[in-house]
Protein backbone atom coordinates (compact mmCIF):
# COMPACT_ATOMS: atom_id res chain seq x y z
CA UNK A 1 41.72 43.99 -52.04
CA UNK A 2 42.73 41.16 -54.34
CA UNK A 3 41.52 37.69 -53.44
CA UNK A 4 43.33 34.99 -55.35
CA UNK A 5 43.60 31.27 -54.68
CA UNK A 6 41.81 28.99 -52.25
CA UNK A 7 39.98 29.82 -49.05
CA UNK A 8 39.36 26.59 -47.15
CA UNK A 9 36.25 26.40 -44.94
CA UNK A 10 37.09 24.53 -41.75
CA UNK A 11 34.84 22.37 -39.56
CA UNK A 12 34.05 22.65 -35.85
CA UNK A 13 34.93 19.47 -33.90
CA UNK A 14 32.84 18.54 -30.85
CA UNK A 15 33.44 16.59 -27.66
CA UNK A 16 31.28 13.66 -26.59
CA UNK A 17 29.09 16.02 -24.54
CA UNK A 18 28.42 18.24 -27.55
CA UNK A 19 30.74 21.08 -26.50
CA UNK A 20 33.42 22.40 -28.88
CA UNK A 21 36.64 20.41 -28.82
CA UNK A 22 38.99 23.38 -28.89
CA UNK A 23 42.13 21.28 -28.79
CA UNK A 24 41.08 19.38 -31.91
CA UNK A 25 39.83 22.61 -33.48
CA UNK A 26 43.21 24.31 -33.19
CA UNK A 27 44.95 21.17 -34.49
CA UNK A 28 42.55 21.08 -37.45
CA UNK A 29 42.90 24.78 -38.28
CA UNK A 30 46.69 24.62 -37.93
CA UNK A 31 46.88 21.63 -40.27
CA UNK A 32 44.61 23.19 -42.93
CA UNK A 33 46.34 26.58 -42.78
CA UNK A 34 49.77 24.97 -43.16
CA UNK A 35 49.04 24.29 -46.84
CA UNK A 36 51.38 26.34 -49.01
CA UNK A 37 49.65 28.72 -51.39
CA UNK A 38 46.42 28.98 -49.38
CA UNK A 39 44.85 32.47 -49.40
CA UNK A 40 43.11 31.92 -46.10
CA UNK A 41 40.66 29.92 -44.06
CA UNK A 42 36.99 30.48 -43.29
CA UNK A 43 35.55 29.56 -39.90
CA UNK A 44 31.91 29.56 -38.83
CA UNK A 45 30.53 28.86 -42.28
CA UNK A 46 28.00 26.14 -43.01
CA UNK A 47 30.91 23.67 -42.82
CA UNK A 48 31.64 25.04 -39.35
CA UNK A 49 28.00 24.52 -38.31
CA UNK A 50 27.40 28.21 -37.69
CA UNK A 51 23.64 27.69 -37.39
CA UNK A 52 24.18 25.65 -34.21
CA UNK A 53 26.81 27.90 -32.60
CA UNK A 54 25.99 30.56 -30.04
CA UNK A 55 27.43 34.06 -30.49
CA UNK A 56 29.94 33.31 -27.74
CA UNK A 57 31.01 30.03 -29.36
CA UNK A 58 31.41 31.75 -32.73
CA UNK A 59 33.73 34.34 -31.18
CA UNK A 60 35.68 31.62 -29.37
CA UNK A 61 36.21 29.71 -32.64
CA UNK A 62 37.52 32.86 -34.34
CA UNK A 63 39.87 33.63 -31.47
CA UNK A 64 41.18 30.06 -31.40
CA UNK A 65 41.81 30.11 -35.16
CA UNK A 66 43.51 33.51 -34.98
CA UNK A 67 46.16 32.08 -32.67
CA UNK A 68 47.31 29.36 -35.07
CA UNK A 69 46.94 30.53 -38.67
CA UNK A 70 49.96 32.13 -40.37
CA UNK A 71 50.07 35.92 -40.46
CA UNK A 72 50.27 35.71 -44.25
CA UNK A 73 46.76 34.23 -44.47
CA UNK A 74 43.38 35.87 -44.08
CA UNK A 75 40.95 34.70 -41.42
CA UNK A 76 37.41 34.86 -42.78
CA UNK A 77 34.53 34.53 -40.31
CA UNK A 78 30.97 33.64 -41.21
CA UNK A 79 28.15 35.69 -39.71
CA UNK A 80 24.39 35.26 -39.89
CA UNK A 81 21.30 36.84 -38.41
CA UNK A 82 17.64 37.60 -39.05
CA UNK A 83 17.88 41.35 -38.58
CA UNK A 84 20.35 43.98 -39.73
CA UNK A 85 21.12 44.86 -36.11
CA UNK A 86 21.92 41.21 -35.35
CA UNK A 87 24.22 40.97 -38.37
CA UNK A 88 26.03 44.14 -37.31
CA UNK A 89 26.46 42.78 -33.78
CA UNK A 90 27.85 39.48 -35.09
CA UNK A 91 30.17 41.38 -37.42
CA UNK A 92 31.52 43.49 -34.57
CA UNK A 93 31.96 40.37 -32.43
CA UNK A 94 33.91 38.69 -35.23
CA UNK A 95 36.08 41.78 -35.66
CA UNK A 96 36.84 41.93 -31.95
CA UNK A 97 37.74 38.22 -31.94
CA UNK A 98 40.35 38.71 -34.68
CA UNK A 99 38.65 38.16 -38.05
CA UNK A 100 40.20 39.84 -41.09
CA UNK A 101 37.14 39.43 -43.29
CA UNK A 102 33.49 38.44 -43.04
CA UNK A 103 31.53 35.84 -44.97
CA UNK A 104 27.99 37.24 -44.78
CA UNK A 105 25.23 34.65 -44.95
CA UNK A 106 21.97 36.00 -46.40
CA UNK A 107 19.71 37.89 -44.04
CA UNK A 108 17.02 36.91 -46.55
CA UNK A 109 17.11 33.17 -45.82
CA UNK A 110 13.72 33.28 -44.09
CA UNK A 111 10.37 33.06 -45.86
CA UNK A 112 9.04 36.61 -45.31
CA UNK A 113 12.29 38.16 -46.60
CA UNK A 114 13.23 35.86 -49.49
CA UNK A 115 11.71 37.99 -52.24
CA UNK A 116 13.75 40.94 -50.99
CA UNK A 117 16.99 39.29 -52.12
CA UNK A 118 16.04 40.43 -55.62
CA UNK A 119 15.50 44.03 -54.54
CA UNK A 120 18.64 46.16 -54.90
CA UNK A 121 17.50 48.72 -52.32
CA UNK A 122 16.77 46.09 -49.64
CA UNK A 123 20.08 44.32 -50.19
CA UNK A 124 21.96 47.62 -50.23
CA UNK A 125 20.42 48.63 -46.89
CA UNK A 126 21.95 45.53 -45.26
CA UNK A 127 25.44 45.75 -46.70
CA UNK A 128 25.71 49.54 -46.48
CA UNK A 129 25.15 49.34 -42.73
CA UNK A 130 27.65 46.49 -42.33
CA UNK A 131 30.13 48.47 -44.41
CA UNK A 132 29.65 51.59 -42.29
CA UNK A 133 29.30 50.13 -38.79
CA UNK A 134 31.61 47.09 -38.89
CA UNK A 135 34.23 48.18 -41.38
CA UNK A 136 35.66 44.78 -42.33
CA UNK A 137 36.05 43.47 -45.89
CA UNK A 138 33.08 41.25 -46.78
CA UNK A 139 32.49 38.24 -48.99
CA UNK A 140 28.82 37.96 -49.95
CA UNK A 141 27.42 34.42 -49.77
CA UNK A 142 25.40 33.90 -52.97
CA UNK A 143 23.04 30.93 -52.63
CA UNK A 144 21.73 28.86 -55.56
CA UNK A 145 18.61 30.17 -57.30
CA UNK A 146 16.60 27.17 -56.10
CA UNK A 147 16.81 28.41 -52.49
CA UNK A 148 14.60 31.38 -53.29
CA UNK A 149 16.98 33.81 -51.62
CA UNK A 150 19.73 34.21 -54.20
CA UNK A 151 20.63 37.82 -54.84
CA UNK A 152 19.75 39.23 -58.23
CA UNK A 153 22.59 40.44 -60.41
CA UNK A 154 21.12 43.92 -60.08
CA UNK A 155 21.30 43.71 -56.27
CA UNK A 156 24.88 42.45 -56.33
CA UNK A 157 25.82 45.18 -58.77
CA UNK A 158 24.31 47.78 -56.43
CA UNK A 159 26.46 46.70 -53.46
CA UNK A 160 29.61 46.04 -55.50
CA UNK A 161 30.81 49.62 -55.12
CA UNK A 162 30.65 49.62 -51.32
CA UNK A 163 34.25 49.90 -50.08
CA UNK A 164 34.17 46.74 -47.97
CA UNK A 165 32.28 44.45 -50.34
CA UNK A 166 35.25 42.67 -51.89
CA UNK A 167 34.02 39.25 -53.03
CA UNK A 168 31.21 36.81 -53.68
CA UNK A 169 31.07 33.17 -52.71
CA UNK A 170 29.27 32.05 -55.86
CA UNK A 171 27.59 28.83 -54.72
CA UNK A 172 25.63 28.97 -57.93
CA UNK A 173 25.54 25.21 -58.76
CA UNK A 174 26.16 25.50 -62.50
CA UNK A 175 29.06 26.92 -64.53
CA UNK A 176 26.52 28.87 -66.59
CA UNK A 177 25.19 30.72 -63.55
CA UNK A 178 28.73 31.26 -62.30
CA UNK A 179 29.64 32.75 -65.69
CA UNK A 180 26.69 35.15 -65.49
CA UNK A 181 27.83 36.43 -62.10
CA UNK A 182 31.51 36.54 -63.08
CA UNK A 183 30.92 38.39 -66.33
CA UNK A 184 28.73 41.01 -64.65
CA UNK A 185 30.89 41.64 -61.59
CA UNK A 186 34.49 40.43 -61.97
CA UNK A 187 35.85 43.90 -62.69
CA UNK A 188 34.70 45.06 -59.23
CA UNK A 189 34.63 41.94 -57.04
CA UNK A 190 36.38 38.60 -56.67
CA UNK A 191 33.77 36.09 -57.82
CA UNK A 192 34.91 32.93 -56.05
CA UNK A 193 33.90 29.50 -57.30
CA UNK A 194 32.04 27.57 -54.60
CA UNK A 195 30.85 24.12 -55.56
CA UNK A 196 31.68 20.75 -53.96
CA UNK A 197 30.63 18.92 -57.13
CA UNK A 198 32.10 18.39 -60.62
CA UNK A 199 30.72 21.72 -61.85
CA UNK A 200 33.59 23.31 -59.92
CA UNK A 201 36.09 22.74 -62.71
CA UNK A 202 34.00 24.64 -65.24
CA UNK A 203 33.64 27.53 -62.83
CA UNK A 204 37.36 27.69 -62.13
CA UNK A 205 38.16 27.60 -65.83
CA UNK A 206 35.94 30.64 -66.45
CA UNK A 207 38.68 33.00 -65.29
CA UNK A 208 37.84 32.52 -61.61
CA UNK A 209 40.29 34.26 -59.26
CA UNK A 210 39.93 31.46 -56.72
CA UNK A 211 37.51 29.36 -54.70
CA UNK A 212 35.93 29.02 -51.26
CA UNK A 213 35.35 25.34 -50.53
CA UNK A 214 34.31 23.19 -47.58
CA UNK A 215 35.53 19.95 -49.10
CA UNK A 216 39.04 21.40 -49.33
CA UNK A 217 39.82 20.59 -45.68
CA UNK A 218 40.43 17.02 -46.87
CA UNK A 219 43.97 17.00 -48.33
CA UNK A 220 44.07 20.79 -48.56
CA UNK A 221 47.36 20.86 -50.48
CA UNK A 222 45.74 19.00 -53.38
CA UNK A 223 42.86 21.48 -53.54
CA UNK A 224 45.30 24.39 -53.54
CA UNK A 225 47.04 22.75 -56.49
CA UNK A 226 43.76 22.15 -58.34
CA UNK A 227 42.65 25.77 -57.93
CA UNK A 228 46.07 27.03 -59.01
CA UNK A 229 46.28 24.85 -62.12
CA UNK A 230 42.70 25.64 -63.19
CA UNK A 231 43.05 29.39 -62.74
CA UNK A 232 46.72 30.10 -63.47
CA UNK A 233 48.57 26.98 -64.57
CA UNK A 234 47.83 24.05 -66.85
CA UNK A 235 44.26 23.17 -67.85
CA UNK A 236 45.39 19.60 -68.59
CA UNK A 237 46.91 19.21 -65.13
CA UNK A 238 43.75 20.66 -63.60
CA UNK A 239 41.60 18.18 -65.51
CA UNK A 240 43.74 15.22 -64.44
CA UNK A 241 43.75 16.29 -60.80
CA UNK A 242 40.04 16.99 -60.85
CA UNK A 243 39.13 13.59 -62.31
CA UNK A 244 41.53 11.45 -60.29
CA UNK A 245 41.40 13.23 -56.93
CA UNK A 246 38.52 15.69 -56.58
CA UNK A 247 35.69 13.74 -58.20
CA UNK A 248 35.92 10.68 -55.90
CA UNK A 249 35.75 12.95 -52.85
CA UNK A 250 32.92 15.06 -54.26
CA UNK A 251 30.95 11.89 -54.90
CA UNK A 252 31.58 10.12 -51.59
CA UNK A 253 31.50 13.14 -49.26
CA UNK A 254 29.19 15.69 -50.84
CA UNK A 255 27.15 13.30 -53.02
CA UNK A 256 27.69 15.73 -55.92
CA UNK A 257 25.44 18.09 -53.89
CA UNK A 258 22.44 16.01 -54.96
CA UNK A 259 21.59 15.04 -51.35
CA UNK A 260 21.16 11.35 -52.10
CA UNK A 261 20.94 10.66 -48.35
CA UNK A 262 19.80 12.79 -45.39
CA UNK A 263 23.29 12.61 -43.87
CA UNK A 264 24.94 15.96 -43.31
CA UNK A 265 27.69 16.77 -45.80
CA UNK A 266 29.57 18.33 -42.90
CA UNK A 267 29.34 15.02 -41.01
CA UNK A 268 30.73 13.27 -44.09
CA UNK A 269 33.53 15.82 -44.38
CA UNK A 270 34.37 15.25 -40.73
CA UNK A 271 34.24 11.48 -41.18
CA UNK A 272 36.81 11.70 -43.98
CA UNK A 273 39.09 13.60 -41.58
CA UNK A 274 38.49 10.97 -38.88
CA UNK A 275 39.53 8.20 -41.27
CA UNK A 276 42.64 10.19 -42.17
CA UNK A 277 43.51 10.46 -38.47
CA UNK A 278 43.04 14.24 -38.34
CA UNK A 279 39.82 14.50 -36.34
CA UNK A 280 38.60 12.58 -33.31
CA UNK A 281 34.87 12.59 -34.03
CA UNK A 282 32.57 13.21 -36.98
CA UNK A 283 29.55 13.93 -34.80
CA UNK A 284 27.44 16.94 -35.83
CA UNK A 285 24.94 18.85 -33.75
CA UNK A 286 21.27 18.01 -34.36
CA UNK A 287 19.11 18.38 -36.30
CA UNK A 288 21.92 17.54 -38.74
CA UNK A 289 22.40 13.78 -39.15
CA UNK A 290 25.74 12.10 -38.51
CA UNK A 291 27.28 9.49 -40.80
CA UNK A 292 26.06 5.91 -40.44
CA UNK A 293 27.99 2.69 -41.10
CA UNK A 294 27.11 2.60 -44.81
CA UNK A 295 28.17 6.22 -45.30
CA UNK A 296 31.46 5.65 -43.51
CA UNK A 297 32.18 2.77 -45.87
CA UNK A 298 31.32 4.92 -48.89
CA UNK A 299 33.69 7.61 -47.65
CA UNK A 300 36.40 5.01 -47.08
CA UNK A 301 36.10 3.89 -50.70
CA UNK A 302 36.19 7.50 -51.88
CA UNK A 303 39.40 8.17 -49.96
CA UNK A 304 40.98 5.10 -51.54
CA UNK A 305 39.91 6.16 -55.06
CA UNK A 306 41.33 9.63 -54.41
CA UNK A 307 44.67 8.10 -53.42
CA UNK A 308 44.54 9.35 -49.84
CA UNK A 309 44.48 5.93 -48.22
CA UNK A 310 46.93 3.36 -49.51
CA UNK A 311 46.57 0.70 -46.84
CA UNK A 312 42.96 -0.48 -47.05
CA UNK A 313 43.08 -2.09 -43.64
CA UNK A 314 43.97 1.23 -41.99
CA UNK A 315 40.76 2.75 -43.29
CA UNK A 316 38.61 0.34 -41.32
CA UNK A 317 39.07 2.19 -38.05
CA UNK A 318 35.75 3.02 -36.45
CA UNK A 319 35.19 6.75 -35.93
CA UNK A 320 34.39 8.12 -32.50
CA UNK A 321 30.86 9.26 -33.27
CA UNK A 322 28.37 9.09 -30.46
């Protein structure tokens, strides 16, 4: 399976009582998936607040998205769990709800298991069972090394020949680390760039086949263009688009992934969509922290710098956060 282009990771809107706003969700997914040239969308990732969703809610989000995305696009569903059996169950639920592919969050993101992410046999035991019992194409979520649960290159190489392991979301922070993963695995897997910070451009320019990005729900068409120009088109056009459009959003929304404030990057992403009139609320489920007044103003300035808001007065609307 060839993966080429952008996969955009959508958010999960909530009502004032904390329940999922399915009407706004379908509007959001329909708007993102309408971008020409998009490979697909990913629901129930970190951007979709998967860690706060119940199994039933996760399946409902997938089913809702399935109804509105074009048939030409892939629907990728995030799954997570703290046992292999749980991961398999979530994978089967996602398949039944209509997912085309899985984005598999690390089983090893808990302290007793973290060291096992470096062990090829342990990692293989997880993905071999998902491959055999679920039978959907899988994108492996590779965390940064600093998390302590990033897969070793040896582990990734071991699972690369499983029939349903088709890609890696390389959230590897630096272009150098991305290059290491790409060079070792690109002949067997799609090594997707995944960075909501300026390092993204360097990753894309290292022969990346595409990207999987949360920030790309804000003006998705522009992100599709950036990924295309950086991977297939003009490096000069990619540089210009990156500096004039992407960088202001990466700074204001994702804080260059430096976590300058405790505010959730997902809340900031939602707030940008609120200010663009595409989402009704930027509230996120606790313990994540929603955007405060200062952050909303920073996002407003970022949208202006990125050329997404031309009338400054229109950006002063107060979002509907609780």
